[in-house]
Amino acid sequence: MSSPPTEFHKLWMEQCAATEDIREAFGLENALEYLIAEKLFTFLMVSERDPAFGLSISV
């Protein structure tokens, strides 16, 4: 039995909504730090499950 696929677009929408709240409460810099950290964390989680995903991103 496999787990259901992660719907990354929904996760991204939730992160963007949270970023708006953080910006109002703590300012733009903190909001951007949150958003960048969340995107990096999501990338790391996915690349641990699927090493090919990590290789698909070129720097």
C-alpha atoms as a PDB file:
ATOM      1  CA  MET A   1       0.000   0.000   0.000  1.00  0.00           C
ATOM      2  CA  SER A   2       1.473   3.342  -0.988  1.00  0.00           C
ATOM      3  CA  SER A   3       0.834   6.708   0.572  1.00  0.00           C
ATOM      4  CA  PRO A   4      -1.226   9.288  -1.354  1.00  0.00           C
ATOM      5  CA  PRO A   5       0.805  11.749  -3.413  1.00  0.00           C
ATOM      6  CA  THR A   6       1.619  15.063  -1.795  1.00  0.00           C
ATOM      7  CA  GLU A   7      -0.259  17.928  -3.359  1.00  0.00           C
ATOM      8  CA  PHE A   8       2.515  20.491  -3.413  1.00  0.00           C
ATOM      9  CA  HIS A   9       0.362  23.251  -4.869  1.00  0.00           C
ATOM     10  CA  LYS A  10      -1.884  23.113  -1.790  1.00  0.00           C
ATOM     11  CA  LEU A  11       1.129  23.179   0.520  1.00  0.00           C
ATOM     12  CA  TRP A  12       2.495  26.197  -1.381  1.00  0.00           C
ATOM     13  CA  MET A  13      -0.853  28.007  -1.071  1.00  0.00           C
ATOM     14  CA  GLU A  14      -0.893  27.390   2.700  1.00  0.00           C
ATOM     15  CA  GLN A  15       2.676  28.659   3.035  1.00  0.00           C
ATOM     16  CA  CYS A  16       1.841  31.817   1.081  1.00  0.00           C
ATOM     17  CA  ALA A  17      -1.194  32.486   3.284  1.00  0.00           C
ATOM     18  CA  ALA A  18       0.927  32.032   6.411  1.00  0.00           C
ATOM     19  CA  THR A  19       3.518  34.391   4.959  1.00  0.00           C
ATOM     20  CA  GLU A  20       0.920  37.158   4.675  1.00  0.00           C
ATOM     21  CA  ASP A  21       0.047  36.763   8.370  1.00  0.00           C
ATOM     22  CA  ILE A  22       3.723  36.746   9.357  1.00  0.00           C
ATOM     23  CA  ARG A  23       4.329  39.893   7.305  1.00  0.00           C
ATOM     24  CA  GLU A  24       1.515  41.736   9.077  1.00  0.00           C
ATOM     25  CA  ALA A  25       2.684  40.650  12.526  1.00  0.00           C
ATOM     26  CA  PHE A  26       6.480  40.610  12.180  1.00  0.00           C
ATOM     27  CA  GLY A  27       7.456  42.451   8.990  1.00  0.00           C
ATOM     28  CA  LEU A  28       8.580  41.669   5.469  1.00  0.00           C
ATOM     29  CA  GLU A  29      12.034  40.298   6.301  1.00  0.00           C
ATOM     30  CA  ASN A  30      10.655  37.680   8.710  1.00  0.00           C
ATOM     31  CA  ALA A  31       7.958  36.699   6.223  1.00  0.00           C
ATOM     32  CA  LEU A  32      10.510  36.148   3.464  1.00  0.00           C
ATOM     33  CA  GLU A  33      12.775  34.169   5.798  1.00  0.00           C
ATOM     34  CA  TYR A  34       9.838  31.912   6.677  1.00  0.00           C
ATOM     35  CA  LEU A  35       8.840  31.374   3.058  1.00  0.00           C
ATOM     36  CA  ILE A  36      12.371  30.594   1.866  1.00  0.00           C
ATOM     37  CA  ALA A  37      12.978  28.214   4.787  1.00  0.00           C
ATOM     38  CA  GLU A  38       9.711  26.370   4.145  1.00  0.00           C
ATOM     39  CA  LYS A  39      10.485  25.950   0.436  1.00  0.00           C
ATOM     40  CA  LEU A  40      13.970  24.641   1.243  1.00  0.00           C
ATOM     41  CA  PHE A  41      12.595  22.232   3.849  1.00  0.00           C
ATOM     42  CA  THR A  42       9.987  20.911   1.386  1.00  0.00           C
ATOM     43  CA  PHE A  43      12.676  20.432  -1.263  1.00  0.00           C
ATOM     44  CA  LEU A  44      14.840  18.487   1.190  1.00  0.00           C
ATOM     45  CA  MET A  45      11.926  16.266   2.267  1.00  0.00           C
ATOM     46  CA  VAL A  46      11.047  15.382  -1.316  1.00  0.00           C
ATOM     47  CA  SER A  47      14.641  14.815  -2.404  1.00  0.00           C
ATOM     48  CA  GLU A  48      15.160  12.390   0.513  1.00  0.00           C
ATOM     49  CA  ARG A  49      12.225  10.294  -0.719  1.00  0.00           C
ATOM     50  CA  ASP A  50      13.145  10.635  -4.391  1.00  0.00           C
ATOM     51  CA  PRO A  51      16.867  11.227  -5.033  1.00  0.00           C
ATOM     52  CA  ALA A  52      16.150  11.859  -8.720  1.00  0.00           C
ATOM     53  CA  PHE A  53      14.149  14.949  -7.719  1.00  0.00           C
ATOM     54  CA  GLY A  54      17.232  16.517  -6.127  1.00  0.00           C
ATOM     55  CA  LEU A  55      19.235  15.854  -9.268  1.00  0.00           C
ATOM     56  CA  SER A  56      16.608  17.510 -11.466  1.00  0.00           C
ATOM     57  CA  ILE A  57      17.345  20.937  -9.984  1.00  0.00           C
ATOM     58  CA  SER A  58      20.318  22.625 -11.616  1.00  0.00           C
ATOM     59  CA  VAL A  59      22.220  25.369  -9.879  1.00  0.00           C
END
